Amino acid sequence: MTQMIAHYAISDYARFKPAFDADAEDRGNNSLSLLQLWREDNGNVWALFQVGDAKAARAYLDGAAGVFNSQAGVQGVDYHFVETA
């Protein structure tokens, strides 16, 4: 089972959250299903996703996710694909 942990460095949570919610369909169409979202503070958010197809998810992250990032005020993002040990 593959999952992805994402850390978003953001400009403002009030800007990020509505854009993140609006992007759910695009993420779902690209094999990413949100399992949990954590807010560390106003500038950092963590997310855990179930990954159905790692190749499709990576293609989304390398391309279309850029639109989401710009709309959501994402200043930096780190993605880590992990598997249950």
C-alpha atoms as a PDB file:
ATOM      1  CA  MET A   1       0.000   0.000   0.000  1.00  0.00           C
ATOM      2  CA  THR A   2       1.507   3.312  -1.104  1.00  0.00           C
ATOM      3  CA  GLN A   3       0.818   6.554   0.672  1.00  0.00           C
ATOM      4  CA  MET A   4       2.177  10.051   0.270  1.00  0.00           C
ATOM      5  CA  ILE A   5       3.029  12.537   2.990  1.00  0.00           C
ATOM      6  CA  ALA A   6       3.041  16.151   1.838  1.00  0.00           C
ATOM      7  CA  HIS A   7       4.286  19.234   3.637  1.00  0.00           C
ATOM      8  CA  TYR A   8       3.015  22.560   2.311  1.00  0.00           C
ATOM      9  CA  ALA A   9       4.724  25.827   3.289  1.00  0.00           C
ATOM     10  CA  ILE A  10       1.963  28.364   2.719  1.00  0.00           C
ATOM     11  CA  SER A  11       1.446  32.112   2.860  1.00  0.00           C
ATOM     12  CA  ASP A  12      -1.901  31.965   4.671  1.00  0.00           C
ATOM     13  CA  TYR A  13      -4.148  29.123   5.822  1.00  0.00           C
ATOM     14  CA  ALA A  14      -7.338  31.082   5.017  1.00  0.00           C
ATOM     15  CA  ARG A  15      -6.203  31.205   1.380  1.00  0.00           C
ATOM     16  CA  PHE A  16      -4.873  27.643   1.270  1.00  0.00           C
ATOM     17  CA  LYS A  17      -7.827  25.681   2.664  1.00  0.00           C
ATOM     18  CA  PRO A  18     -10.554  26.721   0.157  1.00  0.00           C
ATOM     19  CA  ALA A  19      -8.160  26.109  -2.754  1.00  0.00           C
ATOM     20  CA  PHE A  20      -7.151  22.750  -1.277  1.00  0.00           C
ATOM     21  CA  ASP A  21     -10.787  21.706  -0.937  1.00  0.00           C
ATOM     22  CA  ALA A  22     -11.565  22.855  -4.493  1.00  0.00           C
ATOM     23  CA  ASP A  23      -8.659  20.741  -5.815  1.00  0.00           C
ATOM     24  CA  ALA A  24     -10.019  17.478  -4.337  1.00  0.00           C
ATOM     25  CA  GLU A  25     -11.548  16.293  -7.619  1.00  0.00           C
ATOM     26  CA  ASP A  26      -8.315  16.852  -9.568  1.00  0.00           C
ATOM     27  CA  ARG A  27      -6.309  15.007  -6.916  1.00  0.00           C
ATOM     28  CA  GLY A  28      -8.823  12.163  -6.952  1.00  0.00           C
ATOM     29  CA  ASN A  29      -8.673  11.926 -10.737  1.00  0.00           C
ATOM     30  CA  ASN A  30      -4.914  11.521 -10.369  1.00  0.00           C
ATOM     31  CA  SER A  31      -4.914   8.690  -7.819  1.00  0.00           C
ATOM     32  CA  LEU A  32      -4.611  10.772  -4.635  1.00  0.00           C
ATOM     33  CA  SER A  33      -7.200  10.322  -1.885  1.00  0.00           C
ATOM     34  CA  LEU A  34      -6.874  12.478   1.222  1.00  0.00           C
ATOM     35  CA  LEU A  35      -6.692  10.486   4.452  1.00  0.00           C
ATOM     36  CA  GLN A  36      -5.761  13.271   6.884  1.00  0.00           C
ATOM     37  CA  LEU A  37      -4.909  16.977   6.869  1.00  0.00           C
ATOM     38  CA  TRP A  38      -3.028  18.651   9.723  1.00  0.00           C
ATOM     39  CA  ARG A  39      -2.468  22.345  10.307  1.00  0.00           C
ATOM     40  CA  GLU A  40       0.805  22.963  12.126  1.00  0.00           C
ATOM     41  CA  ASP A  41       0.406  26.750  12.172  1.00  0.00           C
ATOM     42  CA  ASN A  42      -0.701  29.498   9.769  1.00  0.00           C
ATOM     43  CA  GLY A  43       2.254  28.765   7.481  1.00  0.00           C
ATOM     44  CA  ASN A  44       2.570  24.951   7.488  1.00  0.00           C
ATOM     45  CA  VAL A  45       0.143  22.188   6.559  1.00  0.00           C
ATOM     46  CA  TRP A  46       0.738  18.433   6.367  1.00  0.00           C
ATOM     47  CA  ALA A  47      -1.369  15.953   4.418  1.00  0.00           C
ATOM     48  CA  LEU A  48      -1.502  12.178   4.171  1.00  0.00           C
ATOM     49  CA  PHE A  49      -2.835  10.678   0.943  1.00  0.00           C
ATOM     50  CA  GLN A  50      -3.624   7.158  -0.224  1.00  0.00           C
ATOM     51  CA  VAL A  51      -1.986   6.630  -3.639  1.00  0.00           C
ATOM     52  CA  GLY A  52      -3.756   4.406  -6.144  1.00  0.00           C
ATOM     53  CA  ASP A  53      -1.274   4.839  -9.018  1.00  0.00           C
ATOM     54  CA  ALA A  54       2.092   6.350  -8.122  1.00  0.00           C
ATOM     55  CA  LYS A  55       2.958   7.155 -11.758  1.00  0.00           C
ATOM     56  CA  ALA A  56      -0.283   9.136 -12.250  1.00  0.00           C
ATOM     57  CA  ALA A  57       0.162  10.886  -8.908  1.00  0.00           C
ATOM     58  CA  ARG A  58       3.733  11.912  -9.740  1.00  0.00           C
ATOM     59  CA  ALA A  59       2.656  13.206 -13.162  1.00  0.00           C
ATOM     60  CA  TYR A  60      -0.018  15.334 -11.464  1.00  0.00           C
ATOM     61  CA  LEU A  61       2.458  16.658  -8.896  1.00  0.00           C
ATOM     62  CA  ASP A  62       4.961  17.526 -11.641  1.00  0.00           C
ATOM     63  CA  GLY A  63       2.338  19.338 -13.729  1.00  0.00           C
ATOM     64  CA  ALA A  64      -1.227  20.287 -12.845  1.00  0.00           C
ATOM     65  CA  ALA A  65      -0.516  20.662  -9.125  1.00  0.00           C
ATOM     66  CA  GLY A  66       1.406  23.811 -10.019  1.00  0.00           C
ATOM     67  CA  VAL A  67      -1.893  25.569 -10.747  1.00  0.00           C
ATOM     68  CA  PHE A  68      -3.223  24.581  -7.332  1.00  0.00           C
ATOM     69  CA  ASN A  69       0.011  25.715  -5.669  1.00  0.00           C
ATOM     70  CA  SER A  70      -0.205  29.179  -7.205  1.00  0.00           C
ATOM     71  CA  GLN A  71      -3.905  29.580  -6.325  1.00  0.00           C
ATOM     72  CA  ALA A  72      -3.403  28.340  -2.764  1.00  0.00           C
ATOM     73  CA  GLY A  73      -0.394  30.495  -1.922  1.00  0.00           C
ATOM     74  CA  VAL A  74       1.934  27.505  -1.614  1.00  0.00           C
ATOM     75  CA  GLN A  75       5.486  28.763  -1.209  1.00  0.00           C
ATOM     76  CA  GLY A  76       7.111  25.351  -1.061  1.00  0.00           C
ATOM     77  CA  VAL A  77       6.086  21.713  -0.971  1.00  0.00           C
ATOM     78  CA  ASP A  78       7.795  18.417  -0.176  1.00  0.00           C
ATOM     79  CA  TYR A  79       6.283  15.072  -1.162  1.00  0.00           C
ATOM     80  CA  HIS A  80       7.349  11.702   0.200  1.00  0.00           C
ATOM     81  CA  PHE A  81       5.951   8.450  -1.179  1.00  0.00           C
ATOM     82  CA  VAL A  82       6.024   5.762   1.491  1.00  0.00           C
ATOM     83  CA  GLU A  83       4.856   2.169   1.801  1.00  0.00           C
ATOM     84  CA  THR A  84       3.606   0.293   4.821  1.00  0.00           C
ATOM     85  CA  ALA A  85       6.513  -1.660   6.326  1.00  0.00           C
END
